[in-house]
Amino acid sequence: MKSAGYKDSTPPNAHPYRKRRYFYDPEGNDWEFVQYLSENPAERNDYKLSDV
């Protein structure tokens, strides 16, 4: 991503059931990539758990 001109914009995140990465493209758009670490939708989408 960086070699294609994207800049890292990932805030700290340590959610136990998903990993997130953010990049700004050359036009300034912020892209989010998510990897889910659980098959359980309630765990992957739990926003009550701390992300930091």
PDB file of N, CA and C in Angstrom:
ATOM      1  N   MET A   1       0.829  -1.177   0.000  1.00  0.00           N
ATOM      2  CA  MET A   1       0.000   0.000   0.000  1.00  0.00           C
ATOM      3  C   MET A   1       0.882   1.252   0.000  1.00  0.00           C
ATOM      4  N   LYS A   2       1.903   1.242   0.834  1.00  0.00           N
ATOM      5  CA  LYS A   2       2.752   2.437   0.927  1.00  0.00           C
ATOM      6  C   LYS A   2       3.501   2.687  -0.374  1.00  0.00           C
ATOM      7  N   SER A   3       3.938   1.625  -1.042  1.00  0.00           N
ATOM      8  CA  SER A   3       4.666   1.812  -2.300  1.00  0.00           C
ATOM      9  C   SER A   3       3.758   2.319  -3.414  1.00  0.00           C
ATOM     10  N   ALA A   4       2.439   2.195  -3.236  1.00  0.00           N
ATOM     11  CA  ALA A   4       1.475   2.705  -4.218  1.00  0.00           C
ATOM     12  C   ALA A   4       1.034   4.124  -3.892  1.00  0.00           C
ATOM     13  N   GLY A   5       1.634   4.739  -2.859  1.00  0.00           N
ATOM     14  CA  GLY A   5       1.321   6.116  -2.526  1.00  0.00           C
ATOM     15  C   GLY A   5       0.338   6.299  -1.393  1.00  0.00           C
ATOM     16  N   TYR A   6      -0.059   5.208  -0.762  1.00  0.00           N
ATOM     17  CA  TYR A   6      -0.989   5.299   0.373  1.00  0.00           C
ATOM     18  C   TYR A   6      -0.200   5.584   1.644  1.00  0.00           C
ATOM     19  N   LYS A   7      -0.785   6.382   2.541  1.00  0.00           N
ATOM     20  CA  LYS A   7      -0.136   6.705   3.809  1.00  0.00           C
ATOM     21  C   LYS A   7      -0.887   6.027   4.943  1.00  0.00           C
ATOM     22  N   ASP A   8      -0.141   5.448   5.860  1.00  0.00           N
ATOM     23  CA  ASP A   8      -0.733   4.767   7.017  1.00  0.00           C
ATOM     24  C   ASP A   8      -1.461   5.775   7.894  1.00  0.00           C
ATOM     25  N   SER A   9      -2.688   5.435   8.287  1.00  0.00           N
ATOM     26  CA  SER A   9      -3.444   6.293   9.204  1.00  0.00           C
ATOM     27  C   SER A   9      -4.087   5.462  10.307  1.00  0.00           C
ATOM     28  N   THR A  10      -3.477   4.324  10.618  1.00  0.00           N
ATOM     29  CA  THR A  10      -4.060   3.389  11.561  1.00  0.00           C
ATOM     30  C   THR A  10      -3.979   3.904  12.991  1.00  0.00           C
ATOM     31  N   PRO A  11      -5.129   4.121  13.631  1.00  0.00           N
ATOM     32  CA  PRO A  11      -5.093   4.445  15.055  1.00  0.00           C
ATOM     33  C   PRO A  11      -4.796   3.166  15.837  1.00  0.00           C
ATOM     34  N   PRO A  12      -4.317   3.280  17.066  1.00  0.00           N
ATOM     35  CA  PRO A  12      -4.082   2.070  17.855  1.00  0.00           C
ATOM     36  C   PRO A  12      -5.372   1.262  17.988  1.00  0.00           C
ATOM     37  N   ASN A  13      -5.283  -0.019  17.749  1.00  0.00           N
ATOM     38  CA  ASN A  13      -6.443  -0.883  17.940  1.00  0.00           C
ATOM     39  C   ASN A  13      -5.981  -2.269  18.351  1.00  0.00           C
ATOM     40  N   ALA A  14      -6.584  -2.763  19.409  1.00  0.00           N
ATOM     41  CA  ALA A  14      -6.204  -4.064  19.957  1.00  0.00           C
ATOM     42  C   ALA A  14      -7.446  -4.864  20.314  1.00  0.00           C
ATOM     43  N   HIS A  15      -8.458  -4.770  19.479  1.00  0.00           N
ATOM     44  CA  HIS A  15      -9.693  -5.518  19.724  1.00  0.00           C
ATOM     45  C   HIS A  15      -9.373  -7.007  19.650  1.00  0.00           C
ATOM     46  N   PRO A  16      -9.900  -7.817  20.556  1.00  0.00           N
ATOM     47  CA  PRO A  16      -9.545  -9.240  20.554  1.00  0.00           C
ATOM     48  C   PRO A  16     -10.136 -10.032  19.387  1.00  0.00           C
ATOM     49  N   TYR A  17     -11.148  -9.498  18.685  1.00  0.00           N
ATOM     50  CA  TYR A  17     -11.813 -10.275  17.640  1.00  0.00           C
ATOM     51  C   TYR A  17     -11.751  -9.656  16.251  1.00  0.00           C
ATOM     52  N   ARG A  18     -10.995  -8.563  16.094  1.00  0.00           N
ATOM     53  CA  ARG A  18     -10.809  -8.004  14.751  1.00  0.00           C
ATOM     54  C   ARG A  18      -9.551  -7.144  14.725  1.00  0.00           C
ATOM     55  N   LYS A  19      -8.903  -7.139  13.557  1.00  0.00           N
ATOM     56  CA  LYS A  19      -7.750  -6.276  13.313  1.00  0.00           C
ATOM     57  C   LYS A  19      -8.183  -5.263  12.259  1.00  0.00           C
ATOM     58  N   ARG A  20      -7.784  -4.006  12.457  1.00  0.00           N
ATOM     59  CA  ARG A  20      -8.124  -2.968  11.505  1.00  0.00           C
ATOM     60  C   ARG A  20      -6.875  -2.207  11.098  1.00  0.00           C
ATOM     61  N   ARG A  21      -6.791  -1.862   9.804  1.00  0.00           N
ATOM     62  CA  ARG A  21      -5.723  -1.005   9.270  1.00  0.00           C
ATOM     63  C   ARG A  21      -6.387   0.064   8.429  1.00  0.00           C
ATOM     64  N   TYR A  22      -5.855   1.262   8.487  1.00  0.00           N
ATOM     65  CA  TYR A  22      -6.375   2.393   7.731  1.00  0.00           C
ATOM     66  C   TYR A  22      -5.257   3.008   6.904  1.00  0.00           C
ATOM     67  N   PHE A  23      -5.616   3.435   5.705  1.00  0.00           N
ATOM     68  CA  PHE A  23      -4.671   4.105   4.817  1.00  0.00           C
ATOM     69  C   PHE A  23      -5.364   5.270   4.128  1.00  0.00           C
ATOM     70  N   TYR A  24      -4.624   6.368   3.949  1.00  0.00           N
ATOM     71  CA  TYR A  24      -5.087   7.470   3.106  1.00  0.00           C
ATOM     72  C   TYR A  24      -4.557   7.230   1.704  1.00  0.00           C
ATOM     73  N   ASP A  25      -5.443   7.351   0.707  1.00  0.00           N
ATOM     74  CA  ASP A  25      -4.975   7.255  -0.668  1.00  0.00           C
ATOM     75  C   ASP A  25      -4.433   8.621  -1.094  1.00  0.00           C
ATOM     76  N   PRO A  26      -3.817   8.704  -2.282  1.00  0.00           N
ATOM     77  CA  PRO A  26      -3.227   9.975  -2.716  1.00  0.00           C
ATOM     78  C   PRO A  26      -4.230  11.144  -2.791  1.00  0.00           C
ATOM     79  N   GLU A  27      -5.527  10.846  -2.900  1.00  0.00           N
ATOM     80  CA  GLU A  27      -6.536  11.901  -2.937  1.00  0.00           C
ATOM     81  C   GLU A  27      -7.053  12.270  -1.548  1.00  0.00           C
ATOM     82  N   GLY A  28      -6.564  11.598  -0.500  1.00  0.00           N
ATOM     83  CA  GLY A  28      -6.958  11.919   0.864  1.00  0.00           C
ATOM     84  C   GLY A  28      -8.109  11.090   1.412  1.00  0.00           C
ATOM     85  N   ASN A  29      -8.595  10.113   0.640  1.00  0.00           N
ATOM     86  CA  ASN A  29      -9.660   9.231   1.127  1.00  0.00           C
ATOM     87  C   ASN A  29      -9.081   8.234   2.131  1.00  0.00           C
ATOM     88  N   ASP A  30      -9.814   7.982   3.191  1.00  0.00           N
ATOM     89  CA  ASP A  30      -9.366   7.048   4.231  1.00  0.00           C
ATOM     90  C   ASP A  30     -10.004   5.680   3.981  1.00  0.00           C
ATOM     91  N   TRP A  31      -9.173   4.658   3.799  1.00  0.00           N
ATOM     92  CA  TRP A  31      -9.631   3.292   3.533  1.00  0.00           C
ATOM     93  C   TRP A  31      -9.414   2.448   4.779  1.00  0.00           C
ATOM     94  N   GLU A  32     -10.408   1.606   5.089  1.00  0.00           N
ATOM     95  CA  GLU A  32     -10.304   0.703   6.235  1.00  0.00           C
ATOM     96  C   GLU A  32     -10.284  -0.739   5.738  1.00  0.00           C
ATOM     97  N   PHE A  33      -9.348  -1.533   6.271  1.00  0.00           N
ATOM     98  CA  PHE A  33      -9.279  -2.960   6.001  1.00  0.00           C
ATOM     99  C   PHE A  33      -9.481  -3.684   7.326  1.00  0.00           C
ATOM    100  N   VAL A  34     -10.382  -4.671   7.344  1.00  0.00           N
ATOM    101  CA  VAL A  34     -10.722  -5.374   8.576  1.00  0.00           C
ATOM    102  C   VAL A  34     -10.482  -6.872   8.389  1.00  0.00           C
ATOM    103  N   GLN A  35      -9.857  -7.484   9.388  1.00  0.00           N
ATOM    104  CA  GLN A  35      -9.726  -8.939   9.443  1.00  0.00           C
ATOM    105  C   GLN A  35     -10.431  -9.395  10.704  1.00  0.00           C
ATOM    106  N   TYR A  36     -11.453 -10.209  10.540  1.00  0.00           N
ATOM    107  CA  TYR A  36     -12.186 -10.722  11.691  1.00  0.00           C
ATOM    108  C   TYR A  36     -11.500 -11.967  12.225  1.00  0.00           C
ATOM    109  N   LEU A  37     -11.393 -12.046  13.547  1.00  0.00           N
ATOM    110  CA  LEU A  37     -10.699 -13.153  14.205  1.00  0.00           C
ATOM    111  C   LEU A  37     -11.663 -14.085  14.912  1.00  0.00           C
ATOM    112  N   SER A  38     -12.951 -13.947  14.623  1.00  0.00           N
ATOM    113  CA  SER A  38     -13.974 -14.789  15.218  1.00  0.00           C
ATOM    114  C   SER A  38     -15.066 -15.027  14.181  1.00  0.00           C
ATOM    115  N   GLU A  39     -15.671 -16.184  14.220  1.00  0.00           N
ATOM    116  CA  GLU A  39     -16.819 -16.482  13.358  1.00  0.00           C
ATOM    117  C   GLU A  39     -18.121 -15.962  13.962  1.00  0.00           C
ATOM    118  N   ASN A  40     -18.073 -15.600  15.239  1.00  0.00           N
ATOM    119  CA  ASN A  40     -19.261 -15.153  15.964  1.00  0.00           C
ATOM    120  C   ASN A  40     -19.498 -13.662  15.701  1.00  0.00           C
ATOM    121  N   PRO A  41     -20.582 -13.282  15.011  1.00  0.00           N
ATOM    122  CA  PRO A  41     -20.840 -11.871  14.718  1.00  0.00           C
ATOM    123  C   PRO A  41     -20.949 -11.003  15.965  1.00  0.00           C
ATOM    124  N   ALA A  42     -21.452 -11.535  17.056  1.00  0.00           N
ATOM    125  CA  ALA A  42     -21.564 -10.748  18.287  1.00  0.00           C
ATOM    126  C   ALA A  42     -20.185 -10.360  18.815  1.00  0.00           C
ATOM    127  N   GLU A  43     -19.197 -11.236  18.666  1.00  0.00           N
ATOM    128  CA  GLU A  43     -17.838 -10.927  19.114  1.00  0.00           C
ATOM    129  C   GLU A  43     -17.154  -9.954  18.153  1.00  0.00           C
ATOM    130  N   ARG A  44     -17.253 -10.216  16.858  1.00  0.00           N
ATOM    131  CA  ARG A  44     -16.553  -9.374  15.882  1.00  0.00           C
ATOM    132  C   ARG A  44     -17.080  -7.952  15.852  1.00  0.00           C
ATOM    133  N   ASN A  45     -18.354  -7.777  16.158  1.00  0.00           N
ATOM    134  CA  ASN A  45     -18.979  -6.461  16.076  1.00  0.00           C
ATOM    135  C   ASN A  45     -19.269  -5.859  17.445  1.00  0.00           C
ATOM    136  N   ASP A  46     -18.560  -6.323  18.452  1.00  0.00           N
ATOM    137  CA  ASP A  46     -18.751  -5.800  19.804  1.00  0.00           C
ATOM    138  C   ASP A  46     -17.964  -4.504  19.955  1.00  0.00           C
ATOM    139  N   TYR A  47     -18.655  -3.383  20.007  1.00  0.00           N
ATOM    140  CA  TYR A  47     -18.004  -2.086  20.141  1.00  0.00           C
ATOM    141  C   TYR A  47     -17.918  -1.623  21.590  1.00  0.00           C
ATOM    142  N   LYS A  48     -18.336  -2.461  22.518  1.00  0.00           N
ATOM    143  CA  LYS A  48     -18.191  -2.159  23.933  1.00  0.00           C
ATOM    144  C   LYS A  48     -16.793  -2.520  24.420  1.00  0.00           C
ATOM    145  N   LEU A  49     -16.137  -3.473  23.725  1.00  0.00           N
ATOM    146  CA  LEU A  49     -14.784  -3.858  24.080  1.00  0.00           C
ATOM    147  C   LEU A  49     -13.813  -2.749  23.679  1.00  0.00           C
ATOM    148  N   SER A  50     -12.790  -2.553  24.461  1.00  0.00           N
ATOM    149  CA  SER A  50     -11.808  -1.531  24.176  1.00  0.00           C
ATOM    150  C   SER A  50     -11.014  -1.883  22.921  1.00  0.00           C
ATOM    151  N   ASP A  51     -10.725  -0.869  22.117  1.00  0.00           N
ATOM    152  CA  ASP A  51      -9.916  -1.040  20.905  1.00  0.00           C
ATOM    153  C   ASP A  51      -8.476  -0.624  21.132  1.00  0.00           C
ATOM    154  N   VAL A  52      -8.158  -0.159  22.298  1.00  0.00           N
ATOM    155  CA  VAL A  52      -6.785   0.315  22.541  1.00  0.00           C
ATOM    156  C   VAL A  52      -6.124  -0.499  23.631  1.00  0.00           C
TER     157      VAL A  52
END
